Amino acid sequence: IAQADEVDSRFLQFEGGLSITALVV
């Protein structure tokens, strides 16, 4: 979770997009 990037104070995501973020979460 510490590797997640915060965007616009509204989103958390991982580098690599939807598939990697969904895989981790």
mmCIF file of all heavy atoms, coordinates in Angstrom:
data_MODEL
# 
_entry.id   MODEL 
# 
loop_
_atom_site.group_PDB 
_atom_site.id 
_atom_site.type_symbol 
_atom_site.label_atom_id 
_atom_site.label_alt_id 
_atom_site.label_comp_id 
_atom_site.label_asym_id 
_atom_site.label_entity_id 
_atom_site.label_seq_id 
_atom_site.pdbx_PDB_ins_code 
_atom_site.Cartn_x 
_atom_site.Cartn_y 
_atom_site.Cartn_z 
_atom_site.occupancy 
_atom_site.B_iso_or_equiv 
_atom_site.pdbx_formal_charge 
_atom_site.auth_seq_id 
_atom_site.auth_comp_id 
_atom_site.auth_asym_id 
_atom_site.auth_atom_id 
_atom_site.pdbx_PDB_model_num 
ATOM 1   N N   . ILE A 1 1  ? 0.839   -1.209  0.000   1.00 0.00 ? 1  ILE A N   1 
ATOM 2   C CA  . ILE A 1 1  ? 0.000   0.000   0.000   1.00 0.00 ? 1  ILE A CA  1 
ATOM 3   C C   . ILE A 1 1  ? 0.869   1.252   0.000   1.00 0.00 ? 1  ILE A C   1 
ATOM 4   O O   . ILE A 1 1  ? 0.505   2.269   -0.590  1.00 0.00 ? 1  ILE A O   1 
ATOM 5   C CB  . ILE A 1 1  ? -0.948  -0.014  1.215   1.00 0.00 ? 1  ILE A CB  1 
ATOM 6   C CG1 . ILE A 1 1  ? -1.852  -1.248  1.169   1.00 0.00 ? 1  ILE A CG1 1 
ATOM 7   C CG2 . ILE A 1 1  ? -1.792  1.248   1.250   1.00 0.00 ? 1  ILE A CG2 1 
ATOM 8   C CD1 . ILE A 1 1  ? -2.682  -1.366  -0.078  1.00 0.00 ? 1  ILE A CD1 1 
ATOM 9   N N   . ALA A 1 2  ? 2.032   1.164   0.654   1.00 0.00 ? 2  ALA A N   1 
ATOM 10  C CA  . ALA A 1 2  ? 2.930   2.323   0.697   1.00 0.00 ? 2  ALA A CA  1 
ATOM 11  C C   . ALA A 1 2  ? 3.449   2.694   -0.687  1.00 0.00 ? 2  ALA A C   1 
ATOM 12  O O   . ALA A 1 2  ? 3.892   3.825   -0.913  1.00 0.00 ? 2  ALA A O   1 
ATOM 13  C CB  . ALA A 1 2  ? 4.094   2.051   1.639   1.00 0.00 ? 2  ALA A CB  1 
ATOM 14  N N   . GLN A 1 3  ? 3.417   1.762   -1.638  1.00 0.00 ? 3  GLN A N   1 
ATOM 15  C CA  . GLN A 1 3  ? 3.904   2.035   -2.994  1.00 0.00 ? 3  GLN A CA  1 
ATOM 16  C C   . GLN A 1 3  ? 2.852   2.703   -3.872  1.00 0.00 ? 3  GLN A C   1 
ATOM 17  O O   . GLN A 1 3  ? 3.144   3.106   -4.995  1.00 0.00 ? 3  GLN A O   1 
ATOM 18  C CB  . GLN A 1 3  ? 4.355   0.738   -3.663  1.00 0.00 ? 3  GLN A CB  1 
ATOM 19  C CG  . GLN A 1 3  ? 5.526   0.051   -2.993  1.00 0.00 ? 3  GLN A CG  1 
ATOM 20  C CD  . GLN A 1 3  ? 5.978   -1.166  -3.759  1.00 0.00 ? 3  GLN A CD  1 
ATOM 21  O OE1 . GLN A 1 3  ? 5.919   -1.209  -4.992  1.00 0.00 ? 3  GLN A OE1 1 
ATOM 22  N NE2 . GLN A 1 3  ? 6.444   -2.179  -3.044  1.00 0.00 ? 3  GLN A NE2 1 
ATOM 23  N N   . ALA A 1 4  ? 1.621   2.826   -3.381  1.00 0.00 ? 4  ALA A N   1 
ATOM 24  C CA  . ALA A 1 4  ? 0.550   3.406   -4.192  1.00 0.00 ? 4  ALA A CA  1 
ATOM 25  C C   . ALA A 1 4  ? 0.776   4.903   -4.388  1.00 0.00 ? 4  ALA A C   1 
ATOM 26  O O   . ALA A 1 4  ? 1.266   5.606   -3.498  1.00 0.00 ? 4  ALA A O   1 
ATOM 27  C CB  . ALA A 1 4  ? -0.801  3.148   -3.545  1.00 0.00 ? 4  ALA A CB  1 
ATOM 28  N N   . ASP A 1 5  ? 0.422   5.387   -5.542  1.00 0.00 ? 5  ASP A N   1 
ATOM 29  C CA  . ASP A 1 5  ? 0.548   6.811   -5.873  1.00 0.00 ? 5  ASP A CA  1 
ATOM 30  C C   . ASP A 1 5  ? -0.802  7.493   -5.665  1.00 0.00 ? 5  ASP A C   1 
ATOM 31  O O   . ASP A 1 5  ? -1.839  7.004   -6.128  1.00 0.00 ? 5  ASP A O   1 
ATOM 32  C CB  . ASP A 1 5  ? 0.987   6.991   -7.324  1.00 0.00 ? 5  ASP A CB  1 
ATOM 33  C CG  . ASP A 1 5  ? 2.346   6.369   -7.585  1.00 0.00 ? 5  ASP A CG  1 
ATOM 34  O OD1 . ASP A 1 5  ? 3.211   6.453   -6.705  1.00 0.00 ? 5  ASP A OD1 1 
ATOM 35  O OD2 . ASP A 1 5  ? 2.536   5.792   -8.684  1.00 0.00 ? 5  ASP A OD2 1 
ATOM 36  N N   . GLU A 1 6  ? -0.778  8.646   -4.982  1.00 0.00 ? 6  GLU A N   1 
ATOM 37  C CA  . GLU A 1 6  ? -2.004  9.424   -4.780  1.00 0.00 ? 6  GLU A CA  1 
ATOM 38  C C   . GLU A 1 6  ? -2.091  10.493  -5.870  1.00 0.00 ? 6  GLU A C   1 
ATOM 39  O O   . GLU A 1 6  ? -1.123  11.207  -6.133  1.00 0.00 ? 6  GLU A O   1 
ATOM 40  C CB  . GLU A 1 6  ? -2.025  10.065  -3.397  1.00 0.00 ? 6  GLU A CB  1 
ATOM 41  C CG  . GLU A 1 6  ? -3.324  10.783  -3.098  1.00 0.00 ? 6  GLU A CG  1 
ATOM 42  C CD  . GLU A 1 6  ? -3.439  11.198  -1.639  1.00 0.00 ? 6  GLU A CD  1 
ATOM 43  O OE1 . GLU A 1 6  ? -2.628  10.720  -0.823  1.00 0.00 ? 6  GLU A OE1 1 
ATOM 44  O OE2 . GLU A 1 6  ? -4.338  11.986  -1.319  1.00 0.00 ? 6  GLU A OE2 1 
ATOM 45  N N   . VAL A 1 7  ? -3.248  10.616  -6.494  1.00 0.00 ? 7  VAL A N   1 
ATOM 46  C CA  . VAL A 1 7  ? -3.455  11.550  -7.602  1.00 0.00 ? 7  VAL A CA  1 
ATOM 47  C C   . VAL A 1 7  ? -4.592  12.492  -7.231  1.00 0.00 ? 7  VAL A C   1 
ATOM 48  O O   . VAL A 1 7  ? -5.709  12.043  -6.922  1.00 0.00 ? 7  VAL A O   1 
ATOM 49  C CB  . VAL A 1 7  ? -3.781  10.810  -8.915  1.00 0.00 ? 7  VAL A CB  1 
ATOM 50  C CG1 . VAL A 1 7  ? -3.990  11.803  -10.055 1.00 0.00 ? 7  VAL A CG1 1 
ATOM 51  C CG2 . VAL A 1 7  ? -2.678  9.823   -9.254  1.00 0.00 ? 7  VAL A CG2 1 
ATOM 52  N N   . ASP A 1 8  ? -4.310  13.784  -7.266  1.00 0.00 ? 8  ASP A N   1 
ATOM 53  C CA  . ASP A 1 8  ? -5.340  14.812  -7.085  1.00 0.00 ? 8  ASP A CA  1 
ATOM 54  C C   . ASP A 1 8  ? -6.063  14.678  -5.742  1.00 0.00 ? 8  ASP A C   1 
ATOM 55  O O   . ASP A 1 8  ? -7.226  15.095  -5.607  1.00 0.00 ? 8  ASP A O   1 
ATOM 56  C CB  . ASP A 1 8  ? -6.343  14.746  -8.238  1.00 0.00 ? 8  ASP A CB  1 
ATOM 57  C CG  . ASP A 1 8  ? -7.175  16.019  -8.353  1.00 0.00 ? 8  ASP A CG  1 
ATOM 58  O OD1 . ASP A 1 8  ? -6.684  17.069  -7.906  1.00 0.00 ? 8  ASP A OD1 1 
ATOM 59  O OD2 . ASP A 1 8  ? -8.305  15.954  -8.878  1.00 0.00 ? 8  ASP A OD2 1 
ATOM 60  N N   . SER A 1 9  ? -5.416  14.060  -4.762  1.00 0.00 ? 9  SER A N   1 
ATOM 61  C CA  . SER A 1 9  ? -5.996  13.864  -3.426  1.00 0.00 ? 9  SER A CA  1 
ATOM 62  C C   . SER A 1 9  ? -7.302  13.081  -3.459  1.00 0.00 ? 9  SER A C   1 
ATOM 63  O O   . SER A 1 9  ? -8.048  13.059  -2.478  1.00 0.00 ? 9  SER A O   1 
ATOM 64  C CB  . SER A 1 9  ? -6.251  15.229  -2.737  1.00 0.00 ? 9  SER A CB  1 
ATOM 65  O OG  . SER A 1 9  ? -5.046  15.930  -2.580  1.00 0.00 ? 9  SER A OG  1 
ATOM 66  N N   . ARG A 1 10 ? -7.583  12.393  -4.589  1.00 0.00 ? 10 ARG A N   1 
ATOM 67  C CA  . ARG A 1 10 ? -8.843  11.650  -4.712  1.00 0.00 ? 10 ARG A CA  1 
ATOM 68  C C   . ARG A 1 10 ? -8.635  10.195  -5.094  1.00 0.00 ? 10 ARG A C   1 
ATOM 69  O O   . ARG A 1 10 ? -9.504  9.359   -4.846  1.00 0.00 ? 10 ARG A O   1 
ATOM 70  C CB  . ARG A 1 10 ? -9.743  12.307  -5.773  1.00 0.00 ? 10 ARG A CB  1 
ATOM 71  C CG  . ARG A 1 10 ? -10.237 13.699  -5.406  1.00 0.00 ? 10 ARG A CG  1 
ATOM 72  C CD  . ARG A 1 10 ? -11.170 14.231  -6.481  1.00 0.00 ? 10 ARG A CD  1 
ATOM 73  N NE  . ARG A 1 10 ? -12.304 13.339  -6.665  1.00 0.00 ? 10 ARG A NE  1 
ATOM 74  C CZ  . ARG A 1 10 ? -12.641 12.782  -7.830  1.00 0.00 ? 10 ARG A CZ  1 
ATOM 75  N NH1 . ARG A 1 10 ? -11.903 13.032  -8.912  1.00 0.00 ? 10 ARG A NH1 1 
ATOM 76  N NH2 . ARG A 1 10 ? -13.689 11.997  -7.926  1.00 0.00 ? 10 ARG A NH2 1 
ATOM 77  N N   . PHE A 1 11 ? -7.501  9.890   -5.732  1.00 0.00 ? 11 PHE A N   1 
ATOM 78  C CA  . PHE A 1 11 ? -7.290  8.547   -6.254  1.00 0.00 ? 11 PHE A CA  1 
ATOM 79  C C   . PHE A 1 11 ? -6.026  7.929   -5.655  1.00 0.00 ? 11 PHE A C   1 
ATOM 80  O O   . PHE A 1 11 ? -5.041  8.627   -5.397  1.00 0.00 ? 11 PHE A O   1 
ATOM 81  C CB  . PHE A 1 11 ? -7.147  8.563   -7.784  1.00 0.00 ? 11 PHE A CB  1 
ATOM 82  C CG  . PHE A 1 11 ? -8.277  9.244   -8.501  1.00 0.00 ? 11 PHE A CG  1 
ATOM 83  C CD1 . PHE A 1 11 ? -8.105  10.495  -9.067  1.00 0.00 ? 11 PHE A CD1 1 
ATOM 84  C CD2 . PHE A 1 11 ? -9.511  8.638   -8.617  1.00 0.00 ? 11 PHE A CD2 1 
ATOM 85  C CE1 . PHE A 1 11 ? -9.131  11.127  -9.726  1.00 0.00 ? 11 PHE A CE1 1 
ATOM 86  C CE2 . PHE A 1 11 ? -10.551 9.257   -9.273  1.00 0.00 ? 11 PHE A CE2 1 
ATOM 87  C CZ  . PHE A 1 11 ? -10.362 10.504  -9.829  1.00 0.00 ? 11 PHE A CZ  1 
ATOM 88  N N   . LEU A 1 12 ? -6.064  6.613   -5.480  1.00 0.00 ? 12 LEU A N   1 
ATOM 89  C CA  . LEU A 1 12 ? -4.880  5.818   -5.166  1.00 0.00 ? 12 LEU A CA  1 
ATOM 90  C C   . LEU A 1 12 ? -4.751  4.750   -6.236  1.00 0.00 ? 12 LEU A C   1 
ATOM 91  O O   . LEU A 1 12 ? -5.721  4.049   -6.553  1.00 0.00 ? 12 LEU A O   1 
ATOM 92  C CB  . LEU A 1 12 ? -5.003  5.165   -3.782  1.00 0.00 ? 12 LEU A CB  1 
ATOM 93  C CG  . LEU A 1 12 ? -4.556  5.981   -2.564  1.00 0.00 ? 12 LEU A CG  1 
ATOM 94  C CD1 . LEU A 1 12 ? -4.786  5.186   -1.287  1.00 0.00 ? 12 LEU A CD1 1 
ATOM 95  C CD2 . LEU A 1 12 ? -3.089  6.389   -2.669  1.00 0.00 ? 12 LEU A CD2 1 
ATOM 96  N N   . GLN A 1 13 ? -3.546  4.616   -6.781  1.00 0.00 ? 13 GLN A N   1 
ATOM 97  C CA  . GLN A 1 13 ? -3.317  3.636   -7.829  1.00 0.00 ? 13 GLN A CA  1 
ATOM 98  C C   . GLN A 1 13 ? -1.856  3.223   -7.822  1.00 0.00 ? 13 GLN A C   1 
ATOM 99  O O   . GLN A 1 13 ? -1.003  3.905   -7.237  1.00 0.00 ? 13 GLN A O   1 
ATOM 100 C CB  . GLN A 1 13 ? -3.674  4.216   -9.204  1.00 0.00 ? 13 GLN A CB  1 
ATOM 101 C CG  . GLN A 1 13 ? -2.740  5.346   -9.629  1.00 0.00 ? 13 GLN A CG  1 
ATOM 102 C CD  . GLN A 1 13 ? -3.131  5.963   -10.952 1.00 0.00 ? 13 GLN A CD  1 
ATOM 103 O OE1 . GLN A 1 13 ? -4.025  6.785   -11.009 1.00 0.00 ? 13 GLN A OE1 1 
ATOM 104 N NE2 . GLN A 1 13 ? -2.436  5.546   -11.997 1.00 0.00 ? 13 GLN A NE2 1 
ATOM 105 N N   . PHE A 1 14 ? -1.576  2.100   -8.462  1.00 0.00 ? 14 PHE A N   1 
ATOM 106 C CA  . PHE A 1 14 ? -0.201  1.631   -8.598  1.00 0.00 ? 14 PHE A CA  1 
ATOM 107 C C   . PHE A 1 14 ? 0.272   1.861   -10.028 1.00 0.00 ? 14 PHE A C   1 
ATOM 108 O O   . PHE A 1 14 ? -0.529  1.853   -10.969 1.00 0.00 ? 14 PHE A O   1 
ATOM 109 C CB  . PHE A 1 14 ? -0.108  0.145   -8.249  1.00 0.00 ? 14 PHE A CB  1 
ATOM 110 C CG  . PHE A 1 14 ? -0.320  -0.152  -6.800  1.00 0.00 ? 14 PHE A CG  1 
ATOM 111 C CD1 . PHE A 1 14 ? -1.551  -0.592  -6.347  1.00 0.00 ? 14 PHE A CD1 1 
ATOM 112 C CD2 . PHE A 1 14 ? 0.705   0.023   -5.882  1.00 0.00 ? 14 PHE A CD2 1 
ATOM 113 C CE1 . PHE A 1 14 ? -1.758  -0.865  -5.008  1.00 0.00 ? 14 PHE A CE1 1 
ATOM 114 C CE2 . PHE A 1 14 ? 0.505   -0.246  -4.536  1.00 0.00 ? 14 PHE A CE2 1 
ATOM 115 C CZ  . PHE A 1 14 ? -0.722  -0.688  -4.100  1.00 0.00 ? 14 PHE A CZ  1 
ATOM 116 N N   . GLU A 1 15 ? 1.566   2.062   -10.155 1.00 0.00 ? 15 GLU A N   1 
ATOM 117 C CA  . GLU A 1 15 ? 2.146   2.218   -11.483 1.00 0.00 ? 15 GLU A CA  1 
ATOM 118 C C   . GLU A 1 15 ? 1.899   0.939   -12.284 1.00 0.00 ? 15 GLU A C   1 
ATOM 119 O O   . GLU A 1 15 ? 2.186   -0.163  -11.822 1.00 0.00 ? 15 GLU A O   1 
ATOM 120 C CB  . GLU A 1 15 ? 3.645   2.488   -11.371 1.00 0.00 ? 15 GLU A CB  1 
ATOM 121 C CG  . GLU A 1 15 ? 4.313   2.773   -12.698 1.00 0.00 ? 15 GLU A CG  1 
ATOM 122 C CD  . GLU A 1 15 ? 5.782   3.086   -12.547 1.00 0.00 ? 15 GLU A CD  1 
ATOM 123 O OE1 . GLU A 1 15 ? 6.261   3.159   -11.395 1.00 0.00 ? 15 GLU A OE1 1 
ATOM 124 O OE2 . GLU A 1 15 ? 6.460   3.256   -13.572 1.00 0.00 ? 15 GLU A OE2 1 
ATOM 125 N N   . GLY A 1 16 ? 1.355   1.096   -13.441 1.00 0.00 ? 16 GLY A N   1 
ATOM 126 C CA  . GLY A 1 16 ? 0.996   -0.050  -14.265 1.00 0.00 ? 16 GLY A CA  1 
ATOM 127 C C   . GLY A 1 16 ? -0.476  -0.097  -14.599 1.00 0.00 ? 16 GLY A C   1 
ATOM 128 O O   . GLY A 1 16 ? -0.890  -0.850  -15.478 1.00 0.00 ? 16 GLY A O   1 
ATOM 129 N N   . GLY A 1 17 ? -1.288  0.715   -13.882 1.00 0.00 ? 17 GLY A N   1 
ATOM 130 C CA  . GLY A 1 17 ? -2.670  0.859   -14.277 1.00 0.00 ? 17 GLY A CA  1 
ATOM 131 C C   . GLY A 1 17 ? -3.649  -0.044  -13.556 1.00 0.00 ? 17 GLY A C   1 
ATOM 132 O O   . GLY A 1 17 ? -3.406  -0.552  -12.456 1.00 0.00 ? 17 GLY A O   1 
ATOM 133 N N   . LEU A 1 18 ? -4.768  -0.271  -14.232 1.00 0.00 ? 18 LEU A N   1 
ATOM 134 C CA  . LEU A 1 18 ? -5.917  -0.948  -13.632 1.00 0.00 ? 18 LEU A CA  1 
ATOM 135 C C   . LEU A 1 18 ? -5.599  -2.370  -13.212 1.00 0.00 ? 18 LEU A C   1 
ATOM 136 O O   . LEU A 1 18 ? -5.920  -2.786  -12.080 1.00 0.00 ? 18 LEU A O   1 
ATOM 137 C CB  . LEU A 1 18 ? -7.082  -0.924  -14.626 1.00 0.00 ? 18 LEU A CB  1 
ATOM 138 C CG  . LEU A 1 18 ? -8.326  -1.724  -14.247 1.00 0.00 ? 18 LEU A CG  1 
ATOM 139 C CD1 . LEU A 1 18 ? -8.926  -1.214  -12.949 1.00 0.00 ? 18 LEU A CD1 1 
ATOM 140 C CD2 . LEU A 1 18 ? -9.345  -1.685  -15.376 1.00 0.00 ? 18 LEU A CD2 1 
ATOM 141 N N   . SER A 1 19 ? -4.990  -3.154  -14.090 1.00 0.00 ? 19 SER A N   1 
ATOM 142 C CA  . SER A 1 19 ? -4.792  -4.583  -13.798 1.00 0.00 ? 19 SER A CA  1 
ATOM 143 C C   . SER A 1 19 ? -3.920  -4.794  -12.566 1.00 0.00 ? 19 SER A C   1 
ATOM 144 O O   . SER A 1 19 ? -4.248  -5.610  -11.689 1.00 0.00 ? 19 SER A O   1 
ATOM 145 C CB  . SER A 1 19 ? -4.175  -5.282  -15.010 1.00 0.00 ? 19 SER A CB  1 
ATOM 146 O OG  . SER A 1 19 ? -5.057  -5.247  -16.115 1.00 0.00 ? 19 SER A OG  1 
ATOM 147 N N   . ILE A 1 20 ? -2.794  -4.053  -12.475 1.00 0.00 ? 20 ILE A N   1 
ATOM 148 C CA  . ILE A 1 20 ? -1.891  -4.224  -11.332 1.00 0.00 ? 20 ILE A CA  1 
ATOM 149 C C   . ILE A 1 20 ? -2.544  -3.707  -10.055 1.00 0.00 ? 20 ILE A C   1 
ATOM 150 O O   . ILE A 1 20 ? -2.448  -4.335  -8.989  1.00 0.00 ? 20 ILE A O   1 
ATOM 151 C CB  . ILE A 1 20 ? -0.558  -3.519  -11.604 1.00 0.00 ? 20 ILE A CB  1 
ATOM 152 C CG1 . ILE A 1 20 ? 0.190   -4.236  -12.744 1.00 0.00 ? 20 ILE A CG1 1 
ATOM 153 C CG2 . ILE A 1 20 ? 0.295   -3.466  -10.348 1.00 0.00 ? 20 ILE A CG2 1 
ATOM 154 C CD1 . ILE A 1 20 ? 1.513   -3.614  -13.093 1.00 0.00 ? 20 ILE A CD1 1 
ATOM 155 N N   . THR A 1 21 ? -3.225  -2.557  -10.142 1.00 0.00 ? 21 THR A N   1 
ATOM 156 C CA  . THR A 1 21 ? -3.884  -2.016  -8.950  1.00 0.00 ? 21 THR A CA  1 
ATOM 157 C C   . THR A 1 21 ? -4.952  -2.979  -8.440  1.00 0.00 ? 21 THR A C   1 
ATOM 158 O O   . THR A 1 21 ? -5.059  -3.236  -7.232  1.00 0.00 ? 21 THR A O   1 
ATOM 159 C CB  . THR A 1 21 ? -4.502  -0.648  -9.266  1.00 0.00 ? 21 THR A CB  1 
ATOM 160 O OG1 . THR A 1 21 ? -3.499  0.216   -9.819  1.00 0.00 ? 21 THR A OG1 1 
ATOM 161 C CG2 . THR A 1 21 ? -5.059  -0.001  -8.009  1.00 0.00 ? 21 THR A CG2 1 
ATOM 162 N N   . ALA A 1 22 ? -5.754  -3.527  -9.358  1.00 0.00 ? 22 ALA A N   1 
ATOM 163 C CA  . ALA A 1 22 ? -6.788  -4.480  -8.956  1.00 0.00 ? 22 ALA A CA  1 
ATOM 164 C C   . ALA A 1 22 ? -6.166  -5.754  -8.383  1.00 0.00 ? 22 ALA A C   1 
ATOM 165 O O   . ALA A 1 22 ? -6.678  -6.334  -7.415  1.00 0.00 ? 22 ALA A O   1 
ATOM 166 C CB  . ALA A 1 22 ? -7.685  -4.809  -10.149 1.00 0.00 ? 22 ALA A CB  1 
ATOM 167 N N   . LEU A 1 23 ? -5.048  -6.196  -8.976  1.00 0.00 ? 23 LEU A N   1 
ATOM 168 C CA  . LEU A 1 23 ? -4.380  -7.407  -8.488  1.00 0.00 ? 23 LEU A CA  1 
ATOM 169 C C   . LEU A 1 23 ? -3.928  -7.237  -7.042  1.00 0.00 ? 23 LEU A C   1 
ATOM 170 O O   . LEU A 1 23 ? -4.137  -8.120  -6.202  1.00 0.00 ? 23 LEU A O   1 
ATOM 171 C CB  . LEU A 1 23 ? -3.180  -7.733  -9.385  1.00 0.00 ? 23 LEU A CB  1 
ATOM 172 C CG  . LEU A 1 23 ? -2.373  -8.976  -9.008  1.00 0.00 ? 23 LEU A CG  1 
ATOM 173 C CD1 . LEU A 1 23 ? -3.128  -10.233 -9.387  1.00 0.00 ? 23 LEU A CD1 1 
ATOM 174 C CD2 . LEU A 1 23 ? -0.997  -8.945  -9.686  1.00 0.00 ? 23 LEU A CD2 1 
ATOM 175 N N   . VAL A 1 24 ? -3.301  -6.101  -6.731  1.00 0.00 ? 24 VAL A N   1 
ATOM 176 C CA  . VAL A 1 24 ? -2.783  -5.875  -5.381  1.00 0.00 ? 24 VAL A CA  1 
ATOM 177 C C   . VAL A 1 24 ? -3.923  -5.724  -4.379  1.00 0.00 ? 24 VAL A C   1 
ATOM 178 O O   . VAL A 1 24 ? -3.917  -6.337  -3.303  1.00 0.00 ? 24 VAL A O   1 
ATOM 179 C CB  . VAL A 1 24 ? -1.873  -4.633  -5.356  1.00 0.00 ? 24 VAL A CB  1 
ATOM 180 C CG1 . VAL A 1 24 ? -1.423  -4.325  -3.927  1.00 0.00 ? 24 VAL A CG1 1 
ATOM 181 C CG2 . VAL A 1 24 ? -0.661  -4.837  -6.255  1.00 0.00 ? 24 VAL A CG2 1 
ATOM 182 N N   . VAL A 1 25 ? -4.927  -4.898  -4.722  1.00 0.00 ? 25 VAL A N   1 
ATOM 183 C CA  . VAL A 1 25 ? -6.001  -4.627  -3.769  1.00 0.00 ? 25 VAL A CA  1 
ATOM 184 C C   . VAL A 1 25 ? -6.857  -5.878  -3.548  1.00 0.00 ? 25 VAL A C   1 
ATOM 185 O O   . VAL A 1 25 ? -7.195  -6.225  -2.405  1.00 0.00 ? 25 VAL A O   1 
ATOM 186 C CB  . VAL A 1 25 ? -6.865  -3.442  -4.246  1.00 0.00 ? 25 VAL A CB  1 
ATOM 187 C CG1 . VAL A 1 25 ? -8.026  -3.195  -3.290  1.00 0.00 ? 25 VAL A CG1 1 
ATOM 188 C CG2 . VAL A 1 25 ? -6.011  -2.189  -4.366  1.00 0.00 ? 25 VAL A CG2 1 
# 
